C-alpha atoms as a PDB file:
ATOM      1  CA  UNK A   1     -50.074 -34.276   2.766  1.00  0.00           C
ATOM      2  CA  UNK A   2     -49.558 -36.877   4.606  1.00  0.00           C
ATOM      3  CA  UNK A   3     -49.972 -35.956   9.030  1.00  0.00           C
ATOM      4  CA  UNK A   4     -49.025 -37.512  12.202  1.00  0.00           C
ATOM      5  CA  UNK A   5     -51.634 -39.771  13.550  1.00  0.00           C
ATOM      6  CA  UNK A   6     -53.068 -39.359  16.825  1.00  0.00           C
ATOM      7  CA  UNK A   7     -51.263 -42.518  17.845  1.00  0.00           C
ATOM      8  CA  UNK A   8     -48.042 -41.425  16.880  1.00  0.00           C
ATOM      9  CA  UNK A   9     -48.741 -37.708  18.473  1.00  0.00           C
ATOM     10  CA  UNK A  10     -49.902 -39.707  21.717  1.00  0.00           C
ATOM     11  CA  UNK A  11     -46.461 -42.209  21.351  1.00  0.00           C
ATOM     12  CA  UNK A  12     -44.273 -39.265  20.591  1.00  0.00           C
ATOM     13  CA  UNK A  13     -46.580 -37.489  24.108  1.00  0.00           C
ATOM     14  CA  UNK A  14     -45.710 -40.606  26.605  1.00  0.00           C
ATOM     15  CA  UNK A  15     -42.353 -40.690  25.624  1.00  0.00           C
ATOM     16  CA  UNK A  16     -41.572 -37.185  26.750  1.00  0.00           C
ATOM     17  CA  UNK A  17     -43.897 -37.481  29.998  1.00  0.00           C
ATOM     18  CA  UNK A  18     -41.962 -40.459  30.902  1.00  0.00           C
ATOM     19  CA  UNK A  19     -38.479 -40.281  29.734  1.00  0.00           C
ATOM     20  CA  UNK A  20     -37.945 -36.578  28.752  1.00  0.00           C
ATOM     21  CA  UNK A  21     -35.888 -33.387  30.842  1.00  0.00           C
ATOM     22  CA  UNK A  22     -38.317 -32.290  33.212  1.00  0.00           C
ATOM     23  CA  UNK A  23     -38.527 -28.664  31.563  1.00  0.00           C
ATOM     24  CA  UNK A  24     -39.183 -30.574  28.064  1.00  0.00           C
ATOM     25  CA  UNK A  25     -42.273 -31.890  29.541  1.00  0.00           C
ATOM     26  CA  UNK A  26     -43.267 -28.159  30.956  1.00  0.00           C
ATOM     27  CA  UNK A  27     -42.741 -27.166  27.830  1.00  0.00           C
ATOM     28  CA  UNK A  28     -44.753 -29.996  26.143  1.00  0.00           C
ATOM     29  CA  UNK A  29     -47.422 -29.619  28.609  1.00  0.00           C
ATOM     30  CA  UNK A  30     -47.165 -25.479  27.846  1.00  0.00           C
ATOM     31  CA  UNK A  31     -47.516 -25.640  23.690  1.00  0.00           C
ATOM     32  CA  UNK A  32     -49.328 -29.807  23.799  1.00  0.00           C
ATOM     33  CA  UNK A  33     -51.571 -29.080  27.038  1.00  0.00           C
ATOM     34  CA  UNK A  34     -52.701 -25.164  27.887  1.00  0.00           C
ATOM     35  CA  UNK A  35     -50.588 -25.824  30.717  1.00  0.00           C
ATOM     36  CA  UNK A  36     -48.805 -22.443  32.349  1.00  0.00           C
ATOM     37  CA  UNK A  37     -45.786 -20.947  31.240  1.00  0.00           C
ATOM     38  CA  UNK A  38     -44.631 -19.906  35.454  1.00  0.00           C
ATOM     39  CA  UNK A  39     -44.121 -24.592  34.764  1.00  0.00           C
ATOM     40  CA  UNK A  40     -41.737 -24.008  32.170  1.00  0.00           C
ATOM     41  CA  UNK A  41     -39.833 -20.931  34.393  1.00  0.00           C
ATOM     42  CA  UNK A  42     -39.916 -22.907  37.291  1.00  0.00           C
ATOM     43  CA  UNK A  43     -37.561 -25.939  35.946  1.00  0.00           C
ATOM     44  CA  UNK A  44     -35.919 -23.620  33.172  1.00  0.00           C
ATOM     45  CA  UNK A  45     -34.615 -21.471  36.545  1.00  0.00           C
ATOM     46  CA  UNK A  46     -32.539 -24.801  37.487  1.00  0.00           C
ATOM     47  CA  UNK A  47     -30.460 -24.078  34.591  1.00  0.00           C
ATOM     48  CA  UNK A  48     -29.780 -20.249  35.594  1.00  0.00           C
ATOM     49  CA  UNK A  49     -27.031 -19.199  38.029  1.00  0.00           C
ATOM     50  CA  UNK A  50     -26.434 -16.304  40.149  1.00  0.00           C
ATOM     51  CA  UNK A  51     -24.558 -14.166  37.585  1.00  0.00           C
ATOM     52  CA  UNK A  52     -27.828 -14.597  35.679  1.00  0.00           C
ATOM     53  CA  UNK A  53     -26.559 -16.869  32.936  1.00  0.00           C
ATOM     54  CA  UNK A  54     -27.883 -20.394  31.867  1.00  0.00           C
ATOM     55  CA  UNK A  55     -25.186 -23.224  32.107  1.00  0.00           C
ATOM     56  CA  UNK A  56     -26.384 -26.498  33.516  1.00  0.00           C
ATOM     57  CA  UNK A  57     -25.729 -28.734  30.605  1.00  0.00           C
ATOM     58  CA  UNK A  58     -29.136 -26.090  29.025  1.00  0.00           C
ATOM     59  CA  UNK A  59     -27.516 -27.431  25.363  1.00  0.00           C
ATOM     60  CA  UNK A  60     -27.222 -31.536  26.290  1.00  0.00           C
ATOM     61  CA  UNK A  61     -23.473 -31.040  24.257  1.00  0.00           C
ATOM     62  CA  UNK A  62     -22.167 -29.033  26.708  1.00  0.00           C
ATOM     63  CA  UNK A  63     -22.568 -29.805  30.235  1.00  0.00           C
ATOM     64  CA  UNK A  64     -20.275 -27.612  32.442  1.00  0.00           C
ATOM     65  CA  UNK A  65     -22.514 -25.826  34.986  1.00  0.00           C
ATOM     66  CA  UNK A  66     -20.968 -22.531  34.296  1.00  0.00           C
ATOM     67  CA  UNK A  67     -22.728 -19.855  32.447  1.00  0.00           C
ATOM     68  CA  UNK A  68     -22.297 -19.759  28.635  1.00  0.00           C
ATOM     69  CA  UNK A  69     -23.528 -17.304  26.202  1.00  0.00           C
ATOM     70  CA  UNK A  70     -24.806 -20.314  24.015  1.00  0.00           C
ATOM     71  CA  UNK A  71     -26.726 -21.570  27.124  1.00  0.00           C
ATOM     72  CA  UNK A  72     -27.626 -18.206  28.344  1.00  0.00           C
ATOM     73  CA  UNK A  73     -29.075 -17.272  24.499  1.00  0.00           C
ATOM     74  CA  UNK A  74     -31.227 -20.870  24.515  1.00  0.00           C
ATOM     75  CA  UNK A  75     -32.406 -19.390  27.868  1.00  0.00           C
ATOM     76  CA  UNK A  76     -33.291 -15.862  26.755  1.00  0.00           C
ATOM     77  CA  UNK A  77     -35.428 -17.594  23.795  1.00  0.00           C
ATOM     78  CA  UNK A  78     -37.374 -19.850  25.518  1.00  0.00           C
ATOM     79  CA  UNK A  79     -38.564 -16.802  27.775  1.00  0.00           C
ATOM     80  CA  UNK A  80     -39.233 -14.703  25.323  1.00  0.00           C
ATOM     81  CA  UNK A  81     -41.146 -17.647  23.707  1.00  0.00           C
ATOM     82  CA  UNK A  82     -43.063 -17.881  26.769  1.00  0.00           C
ATOM     83  CA  UNK A  83     -43.791 -13.953  26.237  1.00  0.00           C
ATOM     84  CA  UNK A  84     -41.979 -12.750  29.600  1.00  0.00           C
ATOM     85  CA  UNK A  85     -41.259  -9.114  29.641  1.00  0.00           C
ATOM     86  CA  UNK A  86     -38.228  -6.938  30.470  1.00  0.00           C
ATOM     87  CA  UNK A  87     -39.214  -6.595  34.132  1.00  0.00           C
ATOM     88  CA  UNK A  88     -39.237 -10.562  34.492  1.00  0.00           C
ATOM     89  CA  UNK A  89     -36.478 -11.144  36.794  1.00  0.00           C
ATOM     90  CA  UNK A  90     -34.580 -14.192  34.807  1.00  0.00           C
ATOM     91  CA  UNK A  91     -35.037 -11.958  31.887  1.00  0.00           C
ATOM     92  CA  UNK A  92     -33.253  -9.347  33.350  1.00  0.00           C
ATOM     93  CA  UNK A  93     -30.860 -12.195  34.946  1.00  0.00           C
ATOM     94  CA  UNK A  94     -29.692 -13.036  31.372  1.00  0.00           C
ATOM     95  CA  UNK A  95     -28.869  -9.607  29.525  1.00  0.00           C
ATOM     96  CA  UNK A  96     -27.072  -8.477  32.535  1.00  0.00           C
ATOM     97  CA  UNK A  97     -24.676 -11.711  32.263  1.00  0.00           C
ATOM     98  CA  UNK A  98     -24.746 -10.503  28.137  1.00  0.00           C
ATOM     99  CA  UNK A  99     -23.504  -7.292  29.085  1.00  0.00           C
ATOM    100  CA  UNK A 100     -21.408  -8.099  31.836  1.00  0.00           C
ATOM    101  CA  UNK A 101     -19.254 -10.639  29.295  1.00  0.00           C
ATOM    102  CA  UNK A 102     -19.533  -8.919  25.746  1.00  0.00           C
ATOM    103  CA  UNK A 103     -15.775  -8.520  24.460  1.00  0.00           C
ATOM    104  CA  UNK A 104     -16.025  -5.192  23.882  1.00  0.00           C
ATOM    105  CA  UNK A 105     -12.998  -4.910  21.663  1.00  0.00           C
ATOM    106  CA  UNK A 106     -14.109  -7.912  19.490  1.00  0.00           C
ATOM    107  CA  UNK A 107     -17.691  -7.263  19.735  1.00  0.00           C
ATOM    108  CA  UNK A 108     -18.782 -11.101  20.144  1.00  0.00           C
ATOM    109  CA  UNK A 109     -19.372 -13.550  22.852  1.00  0.00           C
ATOM    110  CA  UNK A 110     -17.887 -16.252  23.778  1.00  0.00           C
ATOM    111  CA  UNK A 111     -19.657 -19.028  22.602  1.00  0.00           C
ATOM    112  CA  UNK A 112     -18.519 -21.406  25.571  1.00  0.00           C
ATOM    113  CA  UNK A 113     -17.211 -21.063  28.553  1.00  0.00           C
ATOM    114  CA  UNK A 114     -13.009 -21.362  28.902  1.00  0.00           C
ATOM    115  CA  UNK A 115     -14.131 -24.271  31.471  1.00  0.00           C
ATOM    116  CA  UNK A 116     -15.526 -26.520  29.313  1.00  0.00           C
ATOM    117  CA  UNK A 117     -12.755 -29.029  28.537  1.00  0.00           C
ATOM    118  CA  UNK A 118     -13.100 -29.345  32.627  1.00  0.00           C
ATOM    119  CA  UNK A 119     -16.654 -31.184  32.390  1.00  0.00           C
ATOM    120  CA  UNK A 120     -18.461 -33.498  29.688  1.00  0.00           C
ATOM    121  CA  UNK A 121     -18.630 -32.308  26.251  1.00  0.00           C
ATOM    122  CA  UNK A 122     -19.208 -32.838  22.416  1.00  0.00           C
ATOM    123  CA  UNK A 123     -15.815 -33.204  20.508  1.00  0.00           C
ATOM    124  CA  UNK A 124     -17.010 -30.090  18.769  1.00  0.00           C
ATOM    125  CA  UNK A 125     -16.868 -27.895  22.022  1.00  0.00           C
ATOM    126  CA  UNK A 126     -13.715 -28.940  22.357  1.00  0.00           C
ATOM    127  CA  UNK A 127     -10.837 -25.867  22.775  1.00  0.00           C
ATOM    128  CA  UNK A 128      -7.438 -26.541  21.930  1.00  0.00           C
ATOM    129  CA  UNK A 129      -5.369 -23.792  21.018  1.00  0.00           C
ATOM    130  CA  UNK A 130      -7.803 -21.523  20.403  1.00  0.00           C
ATOM    131  CA  UNK A 131      -9.554 -24.153  18.141  1.00  0.00           C
ATOM    132  CA  UNK A 132     -13.021 -22.970  19.126  1.00  0.00           C
ATOM    133  CA  UNK A 133     -11.953 -19.470  18.107  1.00  0.00           C
ATOM    134  CA  UNK A 134     -11.330 -21.008  14.271  1.00  0.00           C
ATOM    135  CA  UNK A 135     -14.284 -23.542  14.424  1.00  0.00           C
ATOM    136  CA  UNK A 136     -16.810 -20.893  15.286  1.00  0.00           C
ATOM    137  CA  UNK A 137     -15.407 -18.243  12.579  1.00  0.00           C
ATOM    138  CA  UNK A 138     -14.345 -15.761  15.628  1.00  0.00           C
ATOM    139  CA  UNK A 139     -17.941 -16.098  17.488  1.00  0.00           C
ATOM    140  CA  UNK A 140     -18.868 -13.052  14.808  1.00  0.00           C
ATOM    141  CA  UNK A 141     -22.194 -15.519  13.767  1.00  0.00           C
ATOM    142  CA  UNK A 142     -22.785 -17.820  16.519  1.00  0.00           C
ATOM    143  CA  UNK A 143     -24.286 -16.765  19.119  1.00  0.00           C
ATOM    144  CA  UNK A 144     -23.997 -13.112  18.333  1.00  0.00           C
ATOM    145  CA  UNK A 145     -26.292 -12.876  15.529  1.00  0.00           C
ATOM    146  CA  UNK A 146     -29.650 -14.450  17.573  1.00  0.00           C
ATOM    147  CA  UNK A 147     -28.256 -12.597  20.797  1.00  0.00           C
ATOM    148  CA  UNK A 148     -28.697  -9.690  19.053  1.00  0.00           C
ATOM    149  CA  UNK A 149     -32.092 -10.282  18.171  1.00  0.00           C
ATOM    150  CA  UNK A 150     -32.799 -11.330  21.497  1.00  0.00           C
ATOM    151  CA  UNK A 151     -31.346  -8.182  23.099  1.00  0.00           C
ATOM    152  CA  UNK A 152     -33.500  -5.880  20.346  1.00  0.00           C
ATOM    153  CA  UNK A 153     -36.811  -7.656  22.093  1.00  0.00           C
ATOM    154  CA  UNK A 154     -35.816  -6.247  25.422  1.00  0.00           C
ATOM    155  CA  UNK A 155     -34.446  -3.075  24.141  1.00  0.00           C
ATOM    156  CA  UNK A 156     -35.500  -1.439  27.515  1.00  0.00           C
ATOM    157  CA  UNK A 157     -32.764  -3.267  29.390  1.00  0.00           C
ATOM    158  CA  UNK A 158     -29.703  -2.192  27.103  1.00  0.00           C
ATOM    159  CA  UNK A 159     -28.263   1.009  25.999  1.00  0.00           C
ATOM    160  CA  UNK A 160     -29.752   2.381  22.520  1.00  0.00           C
ATOM    161  CA  UNK A 161     -26.527   3.840  21.132  1.00  0.00           C
ATOM    162  CA  UNK A 162     -24.603   0.669  22.058  1.00  0.00           C
ATOM    163  CA  UNK A 163     -27.313  -1.594  20.693  1.00  0.00           C
ATOM    164  CA  UNK A 164     -27.442   0.382  17.119  1.00  0.00           C
ATOM    165  CA  UNK A 165     -23.747   0.734  16.975  1.00  0.00           C
ATOM    166  CA  UNK A 166     -23.137  -3.563  17.476  1.00  0.00           C
ATOM    167  CA  UNK A 167     -26.598  -4.301  15.215  1.00  0.00           C
ATOM    168  CA  UNK A 168     -25.037  -2.314  12.218  1.00  0.00           C
ATOM    169  CA  UNK A 169     -21.948  -4.187  12.941  1.00  0.00           C
ATOM    170  CA  UNK A 170     -23.010  -7.642  13.224  1.00  0.00           C
ATOM    171  CA  UNK A 171     -25.624  -7.090  10.163  1.00  0.00           C
ATOM    172  CA  UNK A 172     -22.532  -5.950   8.277  1.00  0.00           C
ATOM    173  CA  UNK A 173     -20.521  -9.247   8.640  1.00  0.00           C
ATOM    174  CA  UNK A 174     -23.547 -11.005   7.840  1.00  0.00           C
ATOM    175  CA  UNK A 175     -23.569  -9.308   4.452  1.00  0.00           C
ATOM    176  CA  UNK A 176     -19.893  -9.499   3.751  1.00  0.00           C
ATOM    177  CA  UNK A 177     -18.535 -13.006   5.607  1.00  0.00           C
ATOM    178  CA  UNK A 178     -17.743 -15.730   3.120  1.00  0.00           C
ATOM    179  CA  UNK A 179     -20.198 -18.127   2.178  1.00  0.00           C
ATOM    180  CA  UNK A 180     -18.298 -20.575   3.309  1.00  0.00           C
ATOM    181  CA  UNK A 181     -19.320 -19.247   7.501  1.00  0.00           C
ATOM    182  CA  UNK A 182     -22.898 -21.232   6.449  1.00  0.00           C
ATOM    183  CA  UNK A 183     -21.548 -24.144   5.222  1.00  0.00           C
ATOM    184  CA  UNK A 184     -21.950 -26.814   7.033  1.00  0.00           C
ATOM    185  CA  UNK A 185     -24.875 -28.587   9.710  1.00  0.00           C
ATOM    186  CA  UNK A 186     -26.868 -25.108   8.808  1.00  0.00           C
ATOM    187  CA  UNK A 187     -26.119 -23.819  12.585  1.00  0.00           C
ATOM    188  CA  UNK A 188     -24.912 -20.353  11.470  1.00  0.00           C
ATOM    189  CA  UNK A 189     -27.992 -20.052   9.101  1.00  0.00           C
ATOM    190  CA  UNK A 190     -30.227 -20.554  11.727  1.00  0.00           C
ATOM    191  CA  UNK A 191     -28.850 -18.059  13.926  1.00  0.00           C
ATOM    192  CA  UNK A 192     -28.519 -15.435  11.326  1.00  0.00           C
ATOM    193  CA  UNK A 193     -32.130 -16.090  10.688  1.00  0.00           C
ATOM    194  CA  UNK A 194     -33.356 -15.758  14.244  1.00  0.00           C
ATOM    195  CA  UNK A 195     -32.175 -12.368  13.487  1.00  0.00           C
ATOM    196  CA  UNK A 196     -33.814 -11.496  10.538  1.00  0.00           C
ATOM    197  CA  UNK A 197     -37.180 -12.767  11.759  1.00  0.00           C
ATOM    198  CA  UNK A 198     -37.091 -10.520  15.025  1.00  0.00           C
ATOM    199  CA  UNK A 199     -39.875  -8.572  15.097  1.00  0.00           C
ATOM    200  CA  UNK A 200     -38.322  -5.792  16.681  1.00  0.00           C
ATOM    201  CA  UNK A 201     -35.625  -5.344  14.346  1.00  0.00           C
ATOM    202  CA  UNK A 202     -35.697  -2.418  12.263  1.00  0.00           C
ATOM    203  CA  UNK A 203     -37.016  -3.222   8.968  1.00  0.00           C
ATOM    204  CA  UNK A 204     -33.583  -1.829   7.072  1.00  0.00           C
ATOM    205  CA  UNK A 205     -32.216  -4.063   8.955  1.00  0.00           C
ATOM    206  CA  UNK A 206     -34.049  -7.127   7.625  1.00  0.00           C
ATOM    207  CA  UNK A 207     -34.601  -5.565   4.315  1.00  0.00           C
ATOM    208  CA  UNK A 208     -30.442  -6.129   4.296  1.00  0.00           C
ATOM    209  CA  UNK A 209     -30.170  -9.463   5.790  1.00  0.00           C
ATOM    210  CA  UNK A 210     -33.201 -11.710   4.121  1.00  0.00           C
ATOM    211  CA  UNK A 211     -32.068 -11.514  -0.143  1.00  0.00           C
ATOM    212  CA  UNK A 212     -28.702 -12.891   1.050  1.00  0.00           C
ATOM    213  CA  UNK A 213     -29.940 -15.260   3.564  1.00  0.00           C
ATOM    214  CA  UNK A 214     -32.549 -16.479   0.642  1.00  0.00           C
ATOM    215  CA  UNK A 215     -29.717 -17.180  -1.556  1.00  0.00           C
ATOM    216  CA  UNK A 216     -27.360 -18.793   1.075  1.00  0.00           C
ATOM    217  CA  UNK A 217     -30.157 -21.144   1.540  1.00  0.00           C
ATOM    218  CA  UNK A 218     -30.948 -21.981  -1.523  1.00  0.00           C
ATOM    219  CA  UNK A 219     -26.679 -22.687  -2.080  1.00  0.00           C
ATOM    220  CA  UNK A 220     -26.349 -24.584   1.810  1.00  0.00           C
ATOM    221  CA  UNK A 221     -29.682 -26.265   2.476  1.00  0.00           C
ATOM    222  CA  UNK A 222     -30.098 -29.827   1.214  1.00  0.00           C
ATOM    223  CA  UNK A 223     -33.425 -30.989  -0.122  1.00  0.00           C
ATOM    224  CA  UNK A 224     -32.386 -34.060  -0.771  1.00  0.00           C
ATOM    225  CA  UNK A 225     -33.884 -37.223   1.664  1.00  0.00           C
ATOM    226  CA  UNK A 226     -30.847 -39.503   1.405  1.00  0.00           C
ATOM    227  CA  UNK A 227     -29.115 -36.769   3.085  1.00  0.00           C
ATOM    228  CA  UNK A 228     -31.547 -35.845   6.011  1.00  0.00           C
ATOM    229  CA  UNK A 229     -30.567 -38.628   7.985  1.00  0.00           C
ATOM    230  CA  UNK A 230     -27.102 -36.739   8.924  1.00  0.00           C
ATOM    231  CA  UNK A 231     -26.275 -33.823  10.187  1.00  0.00           C
ATOM    232  CA  UNK A 232     -26.807 -31.585   7.617  1.00  0.00           C
ATOM    233  CA  UNK A 233     -28.704 -28.099   7.032  1.00  0.00           C
ATOM    234  CA  UNK A 234     -31.650 -29.724   6.450  1.00  0.00           C
ATOM    235  CA  UNK A 235     -35.003 -27.952   5.310  1.00  0.00           C
ATOM    236  CA  UNK A 236     -37.220 -27.709   8.374  1.00  0.00           C
ATOM    237  CA  UNK A 237     -33.883 -27.006  10.622  1.00  0.00           C
ATOM    238  CA  UNK A 238     -33.422 -23.649   8.470  1.00  0.00           C
ATOM    239  CA  UNK A 239     -37.026 -23.243   8.221  1.00  0.00           C
ATOM    240  CA  UNK A 240     -39.064 -24.501  11.148  1.00  0.00           C
ATOM    241  CA  UNK A 241     -42.637 -22.462  10.804  1.00  0.00           C
ATOM    242  CA  UNK A 242     -44.128 -21.456   7.625  1.00  0.00           C
ATOM    243  CA  UNK A 243     -43.230 -17.502   8.230  1.00  0.00           C
ATOM    244  CA  UNK A 244     -39.544 -18.209   8.499  1.00  0.00           C
ATOM    245  CA  UNK A 245     -37.981 -15.373   6.144  1.00  0.00           C
ATOM    246  CA  UNK A 246     -37.006 -18.554   3.877  1.00  0.00           C
ATOM    247  CA  UNK A 247     -39.941 -20.517   3.783  1.00  0.00           C
ATOM    248  CA  UNK A 248     -40.835 -19.925   0.324  1.00  0.00           C
ATOM    249  CA  UNK A 249     -37.733 -20.490  -1.394  1.00  0.00           C
ATOM    250  CA  UNK A 250     -37.880 -24.017   0.838  1.00  0.00           C
ATOM    251  CA  UNK A 251     -41.255 -24.945   0.058  1.00  0.00           C
ATOM    252  CA  UNK A 252     -40.898 -28.011  -1.996  1.00  0.00           C
ATOM    253  CA  UNK A 253     -38.204 -29.247   0.342  1.00  0.00           C
ATOM    254  CA  UNK A 254     -40.324 -28.127   3.477  1.00  0.00           C
ATOM    255  CA  UNK A 255     -43.265 -30.121   2.189  1.00  0.00           C
ATOM    256  CA  UNK A 256     -40.804 -33.179   1.547  1.00  0.00           C
ATOM    257  CA  UNK A 257     -38.921 -32.605   4.788  1.00  0.00           C
ATOM    258  CA  UNK A 258     -42.416 -32.897   6.982  1.00  0.00           C
ATOM    259  CA  UNK A 259     -43.434 -36.057   5.160  1.00  0.00           C
ATOM    260  CA  UNK A 260     -40.021 -37.284   5.878  1.00  0.00           C
ATOM    261  CA  UNK A 261     -40.041 -36.579   9.729  1.00  0.00           C
ATOM    262  CA  UNK A 262     -43.891 -38.364   9.659  1.00  0.00           C
ATOM    263  CA  UNK A 263     -42.512 -40.922   8.503  1.00  0.00           C
ATOM    264  CA  UNK A 264     -39.109 -41.176  10.663  1.00  0.00           C
ATOM    265  CA  UNK A 265     -40.840 -41.504  13.966  1.00  0.00           C
ATOM    266  CA  UNK A 266     -39.347 -44.654  15.967  1.00  0.00           C
ATOM    267  CA  UNK A 267     -41.526 -47.025  17.297  1.00  0.00           C
ATOM    268  CA  UNK A 268     -40.863 -45.573  20.932  1.00  0.00           C
ATOM    269  CA  UNK A 269     -42.289 -41.848  19.422  1.00  0.00           C
ATOM    270  CA  UNK A 270     -39.585 -40.443  19.252  1.00  0.00           C
ATOM    271  CA  UNK A 271     -36.827 -38.317  16.794  1.00  0.00           C
ATOM    272  CA  UNK A 272     -33.425 -39.405  17.238  1.00  0.00           C
ATOM    273  CA  UNK A 273     -30.453 -37.323  17.370  1.00  0.00           C
ATOM    274  CA  UNK A 274     -28.647 -37.175  14.012  1.00  0.00           C
ATOM    275  CA  UNK A 275     -25.004 -36.997  15.483  1.00  0.00           C
ATOM    276  CA  UNK A 276     -22.750 -38.940  18.222  1.00  0.00           C
ATOM    277  CA  UNK A 277     -19.908 -38.236  20.529  1.00  0.00           C
ATOM    278  CA  UNK A 278     -17.865 -40.130  19.031  1.00  0.00           C
ATOM    279  CA  UNK A 279     -15.559 -41.567  21.572  1.00  0.00           C
ATOM    280  CA  UNK A 280     -15.670 -38.700  23.544  1.00  0.00           C
ATOM    281  CA  UNK A 281     -17.240 -39.104  27.274  1.00  0.00           C
ATOM    282  CA  UNK A 282     -18.570 -42.854  26.044  1.00  0.00           C
ATOM    283  CA  UNK A 283     -20.221 -43.591  29.747  1.00  0.00           C
ATOM    284  CA  UNK A 284     -22.164 -40.189  29.675  1.00  0.00           C
ATOM    285  CA  UNK A 285     -23.496 -40.112  26.034  1.00  0.00           C
ATOM    286  CA  UNK A 286     -25.788 -42.134  26.717  1.00  0.00           C
ATOM    287  CA  UNK A 287     -27.454 -39.362  29.263  1.00  0.00           C
ATOM    288  CA  UNK A 288     -27.172 -36.835  26.932  1.00  0.00           C
ATOM    289  CA  UNK A 289     -28.584 -38.982  23.550  1.00  0.00           C
ATOM    290  CA  UNK A 290     -31.550 -39.723  26.182  1.00  0.00           C
ATOM    291  CA  UNK A 291     -32.107 -35.453  26.392  1.00  0.00           C
ATOM    292  CA  UNK A 292     -31.468 -35.067  23.384  1.00  0.00           C
ATOM    293  CA  UNK A 293     -34.206 -37.639  22.287  1.00  0.00           C
ATOM    294  CA  UNK A 294     -36.666 -35.562  24.603  1.00  0.00           C
ATOM    295  CA  UNK A 295     -35.265 -32.019  22.919  1.00  0.00           C
ATOM    296  CA  UNK A 296     -35.816 -33.066  19.350  1.00  0.00           C
ATOM    297  CA  UNK A 297     -39.330 -34.954  19.493  1.00  0.00           C
ATOM    298  CA  UNK A 298     -40.549 -31.554  21.171  1.00  0.00           C
ATOM    299  CA  UNK A 299     -39.361 -30.072  18.688  1.00  0.00           C
ATOM    300  CA  UNK A 300     -40.562 -31.624  15.887  1.00  0.00           C
ATOM    301  CA  UNK A 301     -43.823 -31.976  17.241  1.00  0.00           C
ATOM    302  CA  UNK A 302     -43.520 -28.410  17.354  1.00  0.00           C
ATOM    303  CA  UNK A 303     -42.510 -27.869  14.133  1.00  0.00           C
ATOM    304  CA  UNK A 304     -45.430 -30.499  12.736  1.00  0.00           C
ATOM    305  CA  UNK A 305     -48.001 -28.671  14.744  1.00  0.00           C
ATOM    306  CA  UNK A 306     -46.817 -25.106  12.967  1.00  0.00           C
ATOM    307  CA  UNK A 307     -47.110 -26.405   9.362  1.00  0.00           C
ATOM    308  CA  UNK A 308     -50.796 -27.872  10.514  1.00  0.00           C
ATOM    309  CA  UNK A 309     -49.146 -31.678  10.153  1.00  0.00           C
ATOM    310  CA  UNK A 310     -50.538 -33.224  13.372  1.00  0.00           C
ATOM    311  CA  UNK A 311     -53.909 -34.856  12.989  1.00  0.00           C
ATOM    312  CA  UNK A 312     -56.637 -33.028  14.941  1.00  0.00           C
ATOM    313  CA  UNK A 313     -58.318 -34.784  18.110  1.00  0.00           C
ATOM    314  CA  UNK A 314     -61.585 -36.202  17.938  1.00  0.00           C
ATOM    315  CA  UNK A 315     -62.297 -34.680  21.243  1.00  0.00           C
END
């Protein structure tokens, strides 16, 4: 079983400390060096707006300062990972934003704000003639699935009847929507799996989701190393921890992908984005790419640690 050597880990650490965003540096220090989570929340607060939502390129491909459901899901998930309780002001603000921006008629959140086109952004976030709605399947999976899971974790902040109705609608959609909604790069699978693995989600909902998500993972996750250099549903993207609901059905692919990630660290110590913006905002892409390099390097180290694939220090 391949291990990321301490020398390779140190190169990744040095890159994060020198060139990653302050938020990713704080997360690294919290996860790997025992630093306080308060340092993370202090950096995360820079991305939160007065309306409680998150923006300001927390998701580097969407650079509007305006709050979005996309960025707020990321921010709230980070707060959950840090163990922040419902009475934490940043949590309360994020949940308030989600309640206020929920489209009650369609029972979804719009993934990106209406001013996304006015700021640098990746081409898939460009909205022309309602194209964003079509690209993201009416927002039925992204970002709703993960948000519903987060709201179960912070259920004390939301009306119980409303959450129960929304959960039933979301789970029923994930049961019945066409398989093709989960094709492509694996993002829809990831969002659905975040809901399925929510500890606070009632078991009856988990049971309804997991069998289909296992089948979809078998169908759409690529276990071909020749494809992992592109934007595909790679095993570790869909199952980034050993306790993932679909880890067992992807076991062989996960082990191979762990080896692949160890072998494909750059000499600088990074892991690189598998996508570009093409001809979109070419002057901004280099900064965005640097931000993604720090984030992806942190995420890869976190995954390797979860699977026990980082060589232990002699100290």
